[in-house]
């Protein structure tokens, strides 16, 4: 699900729907509007439909009618979708697991991640150092996915789209991720240092 080219529109739509849902008057966003915005930022219609279908299949969003998703459907985020955008994006364990299932298309990032993984494997006797390397690996991956996301975000900022499409969930998640990493390393130092 989270291949590098696909994560961008998937997370872009999910984050925007979650952002729209923070308004108490929000009921749903129609598929035509989602298609329009995705088209504006360079996502082809057939890819947009696949994004909506996958988001529904994974239960991150729902259609108002609970029918098969189409551009004629109306969409709203599920609690799971909101939880992913608001909480899990900053959870070290979640991000590390997503890293394991994500295709890395940037050679430089792939080499950094590979080198950190090898170094962590070689530091098997030093629990604290191994954890520090894992946290660095998560940070490198997070930089990578945020950079991918920023391409769509940059296009959204150039276009006349509602503000809900112009938020960056990775900025909010980075603070949580950093706090979680620091806590884990501090705990490891207390227990193993």
N, C-alpha and C. Protein backbone atom coordinates (compact mmCIF):
# COMPACT_ATOMS: atom_id res chain seq x y z
N UNK A 1 0.82 -1.19 0.00
CA UNK A 1 0.00 0.00 0.00
C UNK A 1 0.86 1.25 0.00
N UNK A 2 1.97 1.26 0.65
CA UNK A 2 2.70 2.51 0.84
C UNK A 2 3.92 2.62 -0.05
N UNK A 3 3.78 2.26 -1.32
CA UNK A 3 4.88 2.47 -2.22
C UNK A 3 5.07 3.98 -2.38
N UNK A 4 6.31 4.39 -2.58
CA UNK A 4 6.63 5.81 -2.52
C UNK A 4 5.77 6.67 -3.43
N UNK A 5 5.48 6.24 -4.64
CA UNK A 5 4.66 7.05 -5.53
C UNK A 5 3.21 7.09 -5.11
N UNK A 6 2.78 6.07 -4.42
CA UNK A 6 1.37 5.96 -4.04
C UNK A 6 1.07 6.60 -2.70
N UNK A 7 2.05 6.68 -1.82
CA UNK A 7 1.81 7.26 -0.49
C UNK A 7 1.37 8.71 -0.59
N UNK A 8 1.89 9.41 -1.56
CA UNK A 8 1.59 10.84 -1.64
C UNK A 8 0.11 11.10 -1.82
N UNK A 9 -0.53 10.65 -2.92
CA UNK A 9 -1.96 10.96 -3.04
C UNK A 9 -2.81 10.27 -1.99
N UNK A 10 -2.42 9.07 -1.57
CA UNK A 10 -3.17 8.38 -0.53
C UNK A 10 -3.22 9.22 0.75
N UNK A 11 -2.07 9.61 1.20
CA UNK A 11 -1.99 10.38 2.44
C UNK A 11 -2.52 11.79 2.25
N UNK A 12 -2.37 12.34 1.06
CA UNK A 12 -2.87 13.67 0.74
C UNK A 12 -4.39 13.72 0.89
N UNK A 13 -5.08 12.73 0.33
CA UNK A 13 -6.54 12.67 0.42
C UNK A 13 -6.96 12.40 1.87
N UNK A 14 -6.34 11.42 2.50
CA UNK A 14 -6.70 11.08 3.88
C UNK A 14 -6.49 12.26 4.81
N UNK A 15 -5.34 12.91 4.72
CA UNK A 15 -5.04 14.05 5.60
C UNK A 15 -6.03 15.19 5.38
N UNK A 16 -6.37 15.43 4.13
CA UNK A 16 -7.32 16.50 3.82
C UNK A 16 -8.70 16.19 4.37
N UNK A 17 -9.15 14.95 4.19
CA UNK A 17 -10.46 14.57 4.74
C UNK A 17 -10.48 14.69 6.26
N UNK A 18 -9.41 14.28 6.90
CA UNK A 18 -9.33 14.41 8.36
C UNK A 18 -9.36 15.89 8.74
N UNK A 19 -8.65 16.70 7.99
CA UNK A 19 -8.64 18.14 8.26
C UNK A 19 -10.03 18.75 8.07
N UNK A 20 -10.73 18.37 6.99
CA UNK A 20 -12.10 18.84 6.76
C UNK A 20 -13.01 18.43 7.92
N UNK A 21 -12.81 17.22 8.44
CA UNK A 21 -13.70 16.70 9.47
C UNK A 21 -13.55 17.40 10.82
N UNK A 22 -12.53 18.24 10.98
CA UNK A 22 -12.39 18.98 12.23
C UNK A 22 -13.45 20.08 12.35
N UNK A 23 -14.08 20.44 11.24
CA UNK A 23 -15.18 21.41 11.25
C UNK A 23 -16.45 20.68 11.66
N UNK A 24 -17.12 21.15 12.67
CA UNK A 24 -18.32 20.47 13.18
C UNK A 24 -19.45 20.40 12.15
N UNK A 25 -19.41 21.25 11.14
CA UNK A 25 -20.46 21.24 10.11
C UNK A 25 -20.15 20.25 8.97
N UNK A 26 -18.95 19.68 8.99
CA UNK A 26 -18.55 18.76 7.92
C UNK A 26 -19.37 17.49 7.97
N UNK A 27 -19.85 17.06 6.81
CA UNK A 27 -20.52 15.76 6.69
C UNK A 27 -19.73 14.83 5.79
N UNK A 28 -19.33 15.34 4.65
CA UNK A 28 -18.58 14.54 3.69
C UNK A 28 -18.01 15.46 2.61
N UNK A 29 -17.09 14.90 1.83
CA UNK A 29 -16.52 15.59 0.68
C UNK A 29 -16.86 14.76 -0.54
N UNK A 30 -17.36 15.39 -1.57
CA UNK A 30 -17.78 14.58 -2.72
C UNK A 30 -16.60 14.20 -3.61
N UNK A 31 -16.75 13.06 -4.25
CA UNK A 31 -15.69 12.49 -5.08
C UNK A 31 -15.30 13.37 -6.24
N UNK A 32 -16.24 14.12 -6.78
CA UNK A 32 -15.94 15.03 -7.89
C UNK A 32 -14.94 16.10 -7.43
N UNK A 33 -15.14 16.61 -6.21
CA UNK A 33 -14.22 17.62 -5.67
C UNK A 33 -12.84 17.02 -5.41
N UNK A 34 -12.80 15.81 -4.89
CA UNK A 34 -11.52 15.14 -4.66
C UNK A 34 -10.80 14.94 -5.99
N UNK A 35 -11.53 14.47 -7.00
CA UNK A 35 -10.94 14.28 -8.33
C UNK A 35 -10.42 15.61 -8.89
N UNK A 36 -11.19 16.69 -8.72
CA UNK A 36 -10.80 18.00 -9.22
C UNK A 36 -9.47 18.46 -8.60
N UNK A 37 -9.38 18.33 -7.27
CA UNK A 37 -8.16 18.77 -6.58
C UNK A 37 -6.98 17.88 -6.96
N UNK A 38 -7.18 16.59 -7.01
CA UNK A 38 -6.08 15.69 -7.38
C UNK A 38 -5.63 15.96 -8.82
N UNK A 39 -6.57 16.26 -9.69
CA UNK A 39 -6.22 16.61 -11.07
C UNK A 39 -5.37 17.89 -11.09
N UNK A 40 -5.75 18.86 -10.27
CA UNK A 40 -5.01 20.13 -10.21
C UNK A 40 -3.55 19.94 -9.77
N UNK A 41 -3.33 18.97 -8.89
CA UNK A 41 -1.96 18.75 -8.39
C UNK A 41 -1.21 17.69 -9.20
N UNK A 42 -1.83 17.22 -10.31
CA UNK A 42 -1.13 16.34 -11.23
C UNK A 42 -1.40 14.86 -11.11
N UNK A 43 -2.46 14.47 -10.42
CA UNK A 43 -2.77 13.05 -10.27
C UNK A 43 -3.84 12.69 -11.30
N UNK A 44 -3.58 11.71 -12.19
CA UNK A 44 -4.57 11.33 -13.20
C UNK A 44 -5.83 10.72 -12.56
N UNK A 45 -6.96 10.85 -13.27
CA UNK A 45 -8.25 10.40 -12.74
C UNK A 45 -8.27 8.92 -12.36
N UNK A 46 -7.69 8.06 -13.21
CA UNK A 46 -7.74 6.63 -12.90
C UNK A 46 -6.93 6.32 -11.64
N UNK A 47 -5.87 7.05 -11.43
CA UNK A 47 -5.07 6.88 -10.21
C UNK A 47 -5.85 7.41 -9.00
N UNK A 48 -6.56 8.51 -9.19
CA UNK A 48 -7.38 9.10 -8.12
C UNK A 48 -8.45 8.12 -7.67
N UNK A 49 -9.08 7.46 -8.62
CA UNK A 49 -10.12 6.49 -8.27
C UNK A 49 -9.51 5.32 -7.50
N UNK A 50 -8.34 4.89 -7.91
CA UNK A 50 -7.66 3.79 -7.20
C UNK A 50 -7.32 4.20 -5.76
N UNK A 51 -6.91 5.46 -5.58
CA UNK A 51 -6.62 5.98 -4.24
C UNK A 51 -7.88 5.89 -3.37
N UNK A 52 -9.00 6.35 -3.90
CA UNK A 52 -10.26 6.32 -3.13
C UNK A 52 -10.67 4.88 -2.83
N UNK A 53 -10.54 4.00 -3.81
CA UNK A 53 -10.89 2.59 -3.59
C UNK A 53 -10.01 1.97 -2.50
N UNK A 54 -8.71 2.23 -2.56
CA UNK A 54 -7.80 1.66 -1.56
C UNK A 54 -8.06 2.24 -0.17
N UNK A 55 -8.28 3.53 -0.10
CA UNK A 55 -8.58 4.14 1.21
C UNK A 55 -9.84 3.53 1.82
N UNK A 56 -10.83 3.26 0.98
CA UNK A 56 -12.06 2.62 1.48
C UNK A 56 -11.80 1.15 1.84
N UNK A 57 -11.06 0.46 0.99
CA UNK A 57 -10.78 -0.96 1.23
C UNK A 57 -10.04 -1.16 2.56
N UNK A 58 -9.11 -0.25 2.85
CA UNK A 58 -8.36 -0.35 4.11
C UNK A 58 -9.10 0.28 5.28
N UNK A 59 -10.30 0.80 5.01
CA UNK A 59 -11.19 1.39 6.03
C UNK A 59 -10.63 2.67 6.65
N UNK A 60 -9.83 3.39 5.87
CA UNK A 60 -9.32 4.69 6.32
C UNK A 60 -10.35 5.78 6.06
N UNK A 61 -11.18 5.56 5.04
CA UNK A 61 -12.30 6.46 4.74
C UNK A 61 -13.51 5.59 4.40
N UNK A 62 -14.69 6.22 4.39
CA UNK A 62 -15.94 5.53 4.03
C UNK A 62 -16.70 6.38 3.03
N UNK A 63 -17.57 5.71 2.28
CA UNK A 63 -18.51 6.46 1.46
C UNK A 63 -19.76 6.68 2.31
N UNK A 64 -20.44 7.78 2.08
CA UNK A 64 -21.65 8.08 2.86
C UNK A 64 -22.72 7.02 2.64
N UNK A 65 -22.76 6.44 1.43
CA UNK A 65 -23.77 5.42 1.11
C UNK A 65 -23.29 4.01 1.44
N UNK A 66 -22.03 3.86 1.78
CA UNK A 66 -21.38 2.56 2.05
C UNK A 66 -21.40 1.64 0.82
N UNK A 67 -21.56 2.26 -0.36
CA UNK A 67 -21.46 1.52 -1.63
C UNK A 67 -20.02 1.53 -2.10
N UNK A 68 -19.80 0.89 -3.23
CA UNK A 68 -18.47 0.89 -3.84
C UNK A 68 -18.08 2.34 -4.16
N UNK A 69 -16.83 2.73 -3.82
CA UNK A 69 -16.43 4.11 -4.06
C UNK A 69 -16.35 4.46 -5.55
N UNK A 70 -16.81 5.65 -5.87
CA UNK A 70 -16.70 6.19 -7.22
C UNK A 70 -16.61 7.70 -7.08
N UNK A 71 -16.39 8.39 -8.17
CA UNK A 71 -16.33 9.84 -8.10
C UNK A 71 -17.70 10.44 -7.75
N UNK A 72 -18.77 9.65 -7.92
CA UNK A 72 -20.11 10.13 -7.57
C UNK A 72 -20.39 9.94 -6.07
N UNK A 73 -19.49 9.24 -5.38
CA UNK A 73 -19.67 8.98 -3.94
C UNK A 73 -19.30 10.21 -3.12
N UNK A 74 -19.75 10.21 -1.88
CA UNK A 74 -19.37 11.22 -0.89
C UNK A 74 -18.53 10.51 0.15
N UNK A 75 -17.44 11.15 0.58
CA UNK A 75 -16.46 10.49 1.45
C UNK A 75 -16.26 11.22 2.76
N UNK A 76 -15.99 10.44 3.80
CA UNK A 76 -15.61 10.99 5.09
C UNK A 76 -14.58 10.05 5.73
N UNK A 77 -13.71 10.59 6.59
CA UNK A 77 -12.66 9.73 7.18
C UNK A 77 -13.23 8.85 8.29
N UNK A 78 -12.65 7.67 8.43
CA UNK A 78 -13.01 6.80 9.55
C UNK A 78 -12.21 7.22 10.78
N UNK A 79 -12.55 6.65 11.90
CA UNK A 79 -11.75 6.92 13.11
C UNK A 79 -10.32 6.42 12.93
N UNK A 80 -10.20 5.29 12.26
CA UNK A 80 -8.86 4.75 11.98
C UNK A 80 -8.06 5.74 11.13
N UNK A 81 -8.68 6.29 10.10
CA UNK A 81 -8.00 7.28 9.26
C UNK A 81 -7.55 8.48 10.06
N UNK A 82 -8.42 8.97 10.94
CA UNK A 82 -8.06 10.09 11.79
C UNK A 82 -6.92 9.74 12.74
N UNK A 83 -6.96 8.53 13.27
CA UNK A 83 -5.92 8.08 14.19
C UNK A 83 -4.56 8.00 13.49
N UNK A 84 -4.57 7.53 12.25
CA UNK A 84 -3.32 7.44 11.50
C UNK A 84 -2.73 8.82 11.29
N UNK A 85 -3.56 9.77 10.84
CA UNK A 85 -3.09 11.12 10.53
C UNK A 85 -2.68 11.88 11.79
N UNK A 86 -3.43 11.72 12.86
CA UNK A 86 -3.17 12.53 14.07
C UNK A 86 -2.17 11.90 15.02
N UNK A 87 -2.13 10.58 15.07
CA UNK A 87 -1.30 9.92 16.08
C UNK A 87 -0.19 9.02 15.51
N UNK A 88 -0.58 8.07 14.68
CA UNK A 88 0.39 7.06 14.25
C UNK A 88 1.51 7.62 13.40
N UNK A 89 1.27 8.70 12.69
CA UNK A 89 2.31 9.29 11.84
C UNK A 89 3.52 9.75 12.68
N UNK A 90 3.32 9.92 13.98
CA UNK A 90 4.41 10.31 14.86
C UNK A 90 4.85 9.20 15.80
N UNK A 91 4.39 7.99 15.56
CA UNK A 91 4.72 6.85 16.39
C UNK A 91 5.90 6.10 15.79
N UNK A 92 6.98 6.02 16.54
CA UNK A 92 8.22 5.41 16.03
C UNK A 92 7.98 3.98 15.54
N UNK A 93 7.27 3.18 16.30
CA UNK A 93 7.05 1.78 15.93
C UNK A 93 6.27 1.68 14.63
N UNK A 94 5.24 2.51 14.50
CA UNK A 94 4.44 2.52 13.27
C UNK A 94 5.29 2.93 12.08
N UNK A 95 6.03 4.03 12.21
CA UNK A 95 6.84 4.53 11.10
C UNK A 95 7.91 3.50 10.73
N UNK A 96 8.51 2.86 11.72
CA UNK A 96 9.53 1.86 11.44
C UNK A 96 8.93 0.67 10.68
N UNK A 97 7.72 0.28 11.04
CA UNK A 97 7.06 -0.82 10.33
C UNK A 97 6.66 -0.42 8.91
N UNK A 98 6.22 0.82 8.74
CA UNK A 98 5.90 1.31 7.39
C UNK A 98 7.16 1.31 6.54
N UNK A 99 8.27 1.71 7.13
CA UNK A 99 9.56 1.72 6.43
C UNK A 99 9.85 0.34 5.83
N UNK A 100 9.59 -0.70 6.60
CA UNK A 100 9.89 -2.07 6.14
C UNK A 100 9.06 -2.47 4.93
N UNK A 101 7.88 -1.85 4.74
CA UNK A 101 6.98 -2.21 3.64
C UNK A 101 6.94 -1.19 2.53
N UNK A 102 7.86 -0.25 2.53
CA UNK A 102 7.83 0.83 1.55
C UNK A 102 8.96 0.70 0.54
N UNK A 103 8.60 0.85 -0.72
CA UNK A 103 9.59 0.87 -1.78
C UNK A 103 10.28 2.23 -1.75
N UNK A 104 11.60 2.23 -1.68
CA UNK A 104 12.39 3.46 -1.63
C UNK A 104 12.95 3.69 -3.03
N UNK A 105 12.47 4.72 -3.71
CA UNK A 105 12.88 4.96 -5.09
C UNK A 105 14.13 5.84 -5.20
N UNK A 106 14.50 6.50 -4.12
CA UNK A 106 15.67 7.38 -4.13
C UNK A 106 16.91 6.57 -3.73
N UNK A 107 17.86 6.47 -4.64
CA UNK A 107 19.07 5.67 -4.38
C UNK A 107 19.83 6.16 -3.15
N UNK A 108 19.97 7.47 -3.02
CA UNK A 108 20.72 8.03 -1.88
C UNK A 108 20.06 7.65 -0.55
N UNK A 109 18.74 7.76 -0.49
CA UNK A 109 18.02 7.39 0.73
C UNK A 109 18.15 5.90 0.99
N UNK A 110 18.02 5.09 -0.06
CA UNK A 110 18.13 3.64 0.08
C UNK A 110 19.50 3.25 0.66
N UNK A 111 20.55 3.86 0.14
CA UNK A 111 21.90 3.55 0.62
C UNK A 111 22.04 3.94 2.09
N UNK A 112 21.56 5.12 2.46
CA UNK A 112 21.62 5.56 3.88
C UNK A 112 20.89 4.57 4.78
N UNK A 113 19.67 4.19 4.37
CA UNK A 113 18.89 3.25 5.18
C UNK A 113 19.57 1.89 5.28
N UNK A 114 20.11 1.44 4.17
CA UNK A 114 20.81 0.15 4.15
C UNK A 114 22.04 0.19 5.05
N UNK A 115 22.83 1.26 4.94
CA UNK A 115 24.03 1.39 5.77
C UNK A 115 23.68 1.43 7.25
N UNK A 116 22.63 2.18 7.60
CA UNK A 116 22.22 2.25 9.01
C UNK A 116 21.74 0.89 9.50
N UNK A 117 21.03 0.16 8.65
CA UNK A 117 20.58 -1.17 9.02
C UNK A 117 21.73 -2.13 9.27
N UNK A 118 22.73 -2.07 8.39
CA UNK A 118 23.92 -2.93 8.56
C UNK A 118 24.67 -2.57 9.83
N UNK A 119 24.82 -1.26 10.06
CA UNK A 119 25.53 -0.82 11.26
C UNK A 119 24.79 -1.25 12.52
N UNK A 120 23.46 -1.18 12.49
CA UNK A 120 22.66 -1.61 13.65
C UNK A 120 22.82 -3.11 13.88
N UNK A 121 22.88 -3.88 12.81
CA UNK A 121 23.07 -5.34 12.94
C UNK A 121 24.43 -5.66 13.55
N UNK A 122 25.44 -4.88 13.19
CA UNK A 122 26.79 -5.10 13.72
C UNK A 122 26.95 -4.63 15.16
N UNK A 123 26.01 -3.80 15.63
CA UNK A 123 26.08 -3.29 17.01
C UNK A 123 25.21 -4.11 17.93
N UNK A 124 25.09 -5.40 17.66
CA UNK A 124 24.16 -6.25 18.41
C UNK A 124 24.42 -6.30 19.91
N UNK A 125 25.65 -6.10 20.34
CA UNK A 125 25.94 -6.14 21.78
C UNK A 125 25.66 -4.84 22.50
N UNK A 126 25.50 -3.76 21.77
CA UNK A 126 25.30 -2.44 22.37
C UNK A 126 23.86 -2.00 22.11
N UNK A 127 22.99 -2.30 23.06
CA UNK A 127 21.55 -2.04 22.92
C UNK A 127 21.27 -0.56 22.67
N UNK A 128 21.93 0.32 23.39
CA UNK A 128 21.68 1.75 23.26
C UNK A 128 22.10 2.24 21.88
N UNK A 129 23.29 1.88 21.45
CA UNK A 129 23.78 2.32 20.13
C UNK A 129 22.89 1.76 19.02
N UNK A 130 22.48 0.51 19.15
CA UNK A 130 21.60 -0.11 18.15
C UNK A 130 20.28 0.65 18.07
N UNK A 131 19.73 1.03 19.21
CA UNK A 131 18.48 1.79 19.23
C UNK A 131 18.68 3.18 18.62
N UNK A 132 19.79 3.81 18.92
CA UNK A 132 20.09 5.13 18.32
C UNK A 132 20.15 5.03 16.80
N UNK A 133 20.75 3.97 16.30
CA UNK A 133 20.83 3.76 14.84
C UNK A 133 19.44 3.52 14.25
N UNK A 134 18.61 2.75 14.95
CA UNK A 134 17.24 2.53 14.48
C UNK A 134 16.46 3.84 14.43
N UNK A 135 16.64 4.68 15.45
CA UNK A 135 15.94 5.97 15.48
C UNK A 135 16.44 6.88 14.36
N UNK A 136 17.74 6.80 14.07
CA UNK A 136 18.28 7.59 12.96
C UNK A 136 17.71 7.09 11.63
N UNK A 137 17.56 5.78 11.51
CA UNK A 137 16.99 5.19 10.30
C UNK A 137 15.55 5.66 10.11
N UNK A 138 14.78 5.68 11.18
CA UNK A 138 13.40 6.17 11.13
C UNK A 138 13.38 7.63 10.71
N UNK A 139 14.30 8.41 11.23
CA UNK A 139 14.37 9.84 10.90
C UNK A 139 14.70 10.06 9.42
N UNK A 140 15.63 9.28 8.88
CA UNK A 140 15.98 9.38 7.46
C UNK A 140 14.76 9.02 6.60
N UNK A 141 14.05 7.97 6.98
CA UNK A 141 12.85 7.57 6.25
C UNK A 141 11.77 8.64 6.33
N UNK A 142 11.60 9.20 7.50
CA UNK A 142 10.59 10.24 7.69
C UNK A 142 10.90 11.45 6.81
N UNK A 143 12.17 11.84 6.75
CA UNK A 143 12.58 12.93 5.85
C UNK A 143 12.20 12.60 4.41
N UNK A 144 12.41 11.35 4.04
CA UNK A 144 12.12 10.91 2.68
C UNK A 144 10.63 11.01 2.36
N UNK A 145 9.79 10.46 3.23
CA UNK A 145 8.35 10.50 2.92
C UNK A 145 7.79 11.92 3.02
N UNK A 146 8.35 12.72 3.91
CA UNK A 146 7.90 14.11 3.99
C UNK A 146 8.29 14.87 2.73
N UNK A 147 9.47 14.58 2.20
CA UNK A 147 9.90 15.23 0.95
C UNK A 147 8.99 14.82 -0.22
N UNK A 148 8.60 13.54 -0.26
CA UNK A 148 7.67 13.09 -1.29
C UNK A 148 6.33 13.81 -1.17
N UNK A 149 5.85 13.91 0.06
CA UNK A 149 4.56 14.55 0.31
C UNK A 149 4.60 16.04 -0.04
N UNK A 150 5.74 16.66 0.19
CA UNK A 150 5.84 18.11 -0.03
C UNK A 150 5.68 18.48 -1.50
N UNK A 151 5.90 17.53 -2.41
CA UNK A 151 5.68 17.79 -3.83
C UNK A 151 4.20 18.09 -4.08
N UNK A 152 3.32 17.22 -3.58
CA UNK A 152 1.88 17.46 -3.72
C UNK A 152 1.45 18.70 -2.96
N UNK A 153 2.01 18.87 -1.78
CA UNK A 153 1.66 20.03 -0.96
C UNK A 153 2.06 21.32 -1.67
N UNK A 154 3.23 21.32 -2.30
CA UNK A 154 3.67 22.49 -3.05
C UNK A 154 2.73 22.82 -4.19
N UNK A 155 2.26 21.78 -4.89
CA UNK A 155 1.30 21.99 -5.97
C UNK A 155 -0.03 22.51 -5.43
N UNK A 156 -0.45 22.02 -4.28
CA UNK A 156 -1.69 22.50 -3.68
C UNK A 156 -1.59 23.97 -3.31
N UNK A 157 -0.43 24.39 -2.83
CA UNK A 157 -0.23 25.80 -2.47
C UNK A 157 -0.25 26.71 -3.69
N UNK A 158 0.12 26.18 -4.85
CA UNK A 158 0.11 26.99 -6.07
C UNK A 158 -1.31 27.12 -6.65
N UNK A 159 -2.20 26.25 -6.25
CA UNK A 159 -3.54 26.18 -6.82
C UNK A 159 -4.57 26.82 -5.89
N UNK A 160 -5.70 27.08 -6.46
CA UNK A 160 -6.81 27.64 -5.68
C UNK A 160 -7.63 26.49 -5.10
N UNK A 161 -7.12 25.93 -4.01
CA UNK A 161 -7.83 24.83 -3.34
C UNK A 161 -8.06 25.23 -1.88
N UNK A 162 -9.07 24.66 -1.24
CA UNK A 162 -9.33 24.99 0.17
C UNK A 162 -8.12 24.71 1.06
N UNK A 163 -8.04 25.44 2.16
CA UNK A 163 -6.90 25.35 3.09
C UNK A 163 -6.70 23.94 3.64
N UNK A 164 -7.75 23.16 3.73
CA UNK A 164 -7.64 21.80 4.27
C UNK A 164 -6.72 20.91 3.42
N UNK A 165 -6.56 21.26 2.15
CA UNK A 165 -5.68 20.51 1.26
C UNK A 165 -4.23 20.97 1.40
N UNK A 166 -4.01 22.02 2.17
CA UNK A 166 -2.67 22.64 2.25
C UNK A 166 -1.99 22.42 3.59
N UNK A 167 -2.41 21.43 4.35
CA UNK A 167 -1.77 21.17 5.64
C UNK A 167 -0.76 20.02 5.49
N UNK A 168 0.25 20.05 6.34
CA UNK A 168 1.29 19.02 6.29
C UNK A 168 1.25 18.19 7.58
N UNK A 169 0.66 17.01 7.53
CA UNK A 169 0.58 16.17 8.73
C UNK A 169 1.95 15.72 9.22
N UNK A 170 2.94 15.71 8.33
CA UNK A 170 4.27 15.28 8.72
C UNK A 170 4.97 16.28 9.62
N UNK A 171 4.63 17.56 9.49
CA UNK A 171 5.20 18.57 10.40
C UNK A 171 4.75 18.30 11.83
N UNK A 172 3.45 18.06 12.01
CA UNK A 172 2.93 17.77 13.35
C UNK A 172 3.48 16.45 13.88
N UNK A 173 3.56 15.47 12.99
CA UNK A 173 4.05 14.15 13.40
C UNK A 173 5.51 14.15 13.77
N UNK A 174 6.30 15.04 13.15
CA UNK A 174 7.75 15.07 13.42
C UNK A 174 8.04 15.36 14.89
N UNK A 175 7.29 16.29 15.48
CA UNK A 175 7.50 16.62 16.89
C UNK A 175 7.23 15.40 17.77
N UNK A 176 6.13 14.70 17.50
CA UNK A 176 5.81 13.48 18.26
C UNK A 176 6.87 12.41 18.04
N UNK A 177 7.30 12.27 16.80
CA UNK A 177 8.31 11.28 16.48
C UNK A 177 9.61 11.55 17.23
N UNK A 178 10.01 12.80 17.26
CA UNK A 178 11.22 13.19 17.97
C UNK A 178 11.10 12.93 19.47
N UNK A 179 9.95 13.29 20.04
CA UNK A 179 9.71 13.04 21.47
C UNK A 179 9.75 11.55 21.77
N UNK A 180 9.09 10.74 20.94
CA UNK A 180 9.07 9.29 21.14
C UNK A 180 10.46 8.69 21.03
N UNK A 181 11.24 9.16 20.07
CA UNK A 181 12.62 8.67 19.90
C UNK A 181 13.47 9.01 21.12
N UNK A 182 13.36 10.24 21.59
CA UNK A 182 14.14 10.68 22.75
C UNK A 182 13.78 9.86 23.99
N UNK A 183 12.48 9.61 24.18
CA UNK A 183 12.04 8.81 25.34
C UNK A 183 12.58 7.39 25.26
N UNK A 184 12.53 6.80 24.07
CA UNK A 184 13.02 5.43 23.90
C UNK A 184 14.52 5.34 24.18
N UNK A 185 15.28 6.30 23.67
CA UNK A 185 16.73 6.29 23.89
C UNK A 185 17.06 6.53 25.36
N UNK A 186 16.35 7.46 26.00
CA UNK A 186 16.58 7.73 27.42
C UNK A 186 16.27 6.48 28.26
N UNK A 187 15.20 5.80 27.91
CA UNK A 187 14.83 4.58 28.62
C UNK A 187 15.89 3.50 28.43
N UNK A 188 16.39 3.37 27.21
CA UNK A 188 17.43 2.37 26.93
C UNK A 188 18.70 2.69 27.70
N UNK A 189 19.04 3.97 27.80
CA UNK A 189 20.25 4.37 28.54
C UNK A 189 20.09 4.05 30.03
N UNK A 190 18.89 4.28 30.57
CA UNK A 190 18.64 3.95 31.98
C UNK A 190 18.75 2.46 32.23
N UNK A 191 18.20 1.68 31.33
CA UNK A 191 18.14 0.23 31.53
C UNK A 191 19.38 -0.52 31.09
N UNK A 192 20.09 0.00 30.08
CA UNK A 192 21.20 -0.77 29.51
C UNK A 192 22.53 0.00 29.48
N UNK A 193 22.47 1.33 29.76
CA UNK A 193 23.67 2.17 29.59
C UNK A 193 24.64 2.12 30.68
